[in-house]
Amino acid sequence: MKDKILIFRTSVSKKSDLQQINRVFRAYPQISGWNVDLEDWEKVLRIECQGISASQIITLLRDINIYARALR
């Protein structure tokens, strides 16, 4: 099965946010890779995944106090 790409605007603002995201995402083998563009004003989060939805990602991030809105 081919990975899908999910893209989100986020409230990530510091390196500790990235560490929190990493801890959460490591528990989900459906997520094969991710990164945040800290240079972009929207702090775009890009996720390569299979079998997990944008709404599930938004919930996971909300649980660690990070806002995310799907861009596509």
Protein backbone atom coordinates (compact mmCIF):
# COMPACT_ATOMS: atom_id res chain seq x y z
CA MET A 1 0.00 0.00 0.00
CA LYS A 2 1.26 3.46 -0.92
CA ASP A 3 1.80 6.11 1.75
CA LYS A 4 -0.50 9.11 1.68
CA ILE A 5 0.64 12.62 2.55
CA LEU A 6 -1.29 14.68 5.10
CA ILE A 7 -0.50 18.38 5.43
CA PHE A 8 -1.49 20.63 8.33
CA ARG A 9 -1.13 24.21 9.50
CA THR A 10 0.02 24.05 13.14
CA SER A 11 0.74 26.09 16.24
CA VAL A 12 4.22 24.59 16.67
CA SER A 13 6.48 27.32 17.99
CA LYS A 14 9.47 25.72 19.70
CA LYS A 15 11.72 22.67 19.68
CA SER A 16 9.94 21.18 22.70
CA ASP A 17 6.77 21.00 20.55
CA LEU A 18 8.70 18.89 18.05
CA GLN A 19 9.89 16.59 20.83
CA GLN A 20 6.31 16.13 22.04
CA ILE A 21 5.12 15.35 18.52
CA ASN A 22 7.92 12.84 18.10
CA ARG A 23 6.97 11.03 21.32
CA VAL A 24 3.34 10.76 20.22
CA PHE A 25 4.02 9.76 16.61
CA ARG A 26 6.53 7.04 17.58
CA ALA A 27 3.62 5.10 19.09
CA TYR A 28 1.90 4.92 15.68
CA PRO A 29 3.52 2.58 13.14
CA GLN A 30 1.07 3.94 10.55
CA ILE A 31 3.21 7.11 10.47
CA SER A 32 6.34 6.44 8.43
CA GLY A 33 7.72 9.97 8.42
CA TRP A 34 6.96 13.57 9.33
CA ASN A 35 8.48 17.03 9.43
CA VAL A 36 7.55 20.59 10.34
CA ASP A 37 8.64 23.60 8.28
CA LEU A 38 9.57 26.03 11.05
CA GLU A 39 10.49 28.70 8.48
CA ASP A 40 6.94 28.86 7.12
CA TRP A 41 4.54 31.18 8.98
CA GLU A 42 1.95 28.36 9.06
CA LYS A 43 4.46 25.93 10.63
CA VAL A 44 3.41 23.31 8.09
CA LEU A 45 3.42 19.70 9.32
CA ARG A 46 3.79 17.07 6.59
CA ILE A 47 3.07 13.44 7.48
CA GLU A 48 3.67 10.30 5.41
CA CYS A 49 1.27 7.63 6.64
CA GLN A 50 -1.06 4.71 5.96
CA GLY A 51 -4.30 3.89 7.71
CA ILE A 52 -4.62 7.01 9.84
CA SER A 53 -6.87 9.97 9.09
CA ALA A 54 -6.36 13.71 9.30
CA SER A 55 -8.96 13.92 12.08
CA GLN A 56 -7.04 11.31 14.11
CA ILE A 57 -3.84 13.34 13.72
CA ILE A 58 -5.64 16.53 14.78
CA THR A 59 -6.92 14.76 17.91
CA LEU A 60 -3.46 13.40 18.78
CA LEU A 61 -1.97 16.87 18.47
CA ARG A 62 -4.78 18.56 20.38
CA ASP A 63 -4.08 16.15 23.27
CA ILE A 64 -0.60 17.68 23.56
CA ASN A 65 -1.92 21.26 23.15
CA ILE A 66 -0.85 21.73 19.54
CA TYR A 67 -3.41 23.21 17.16
CA ALA A 68 -3.57 21.65 13.68
CA ARG A 69 -5.81 22.27 10.69
CA ALA A 70 -5.69 20.09 7.59
CA LEU A 71 -4.58 21.95 4.48
CA ARG A 72 -5.45 19.14 2.08
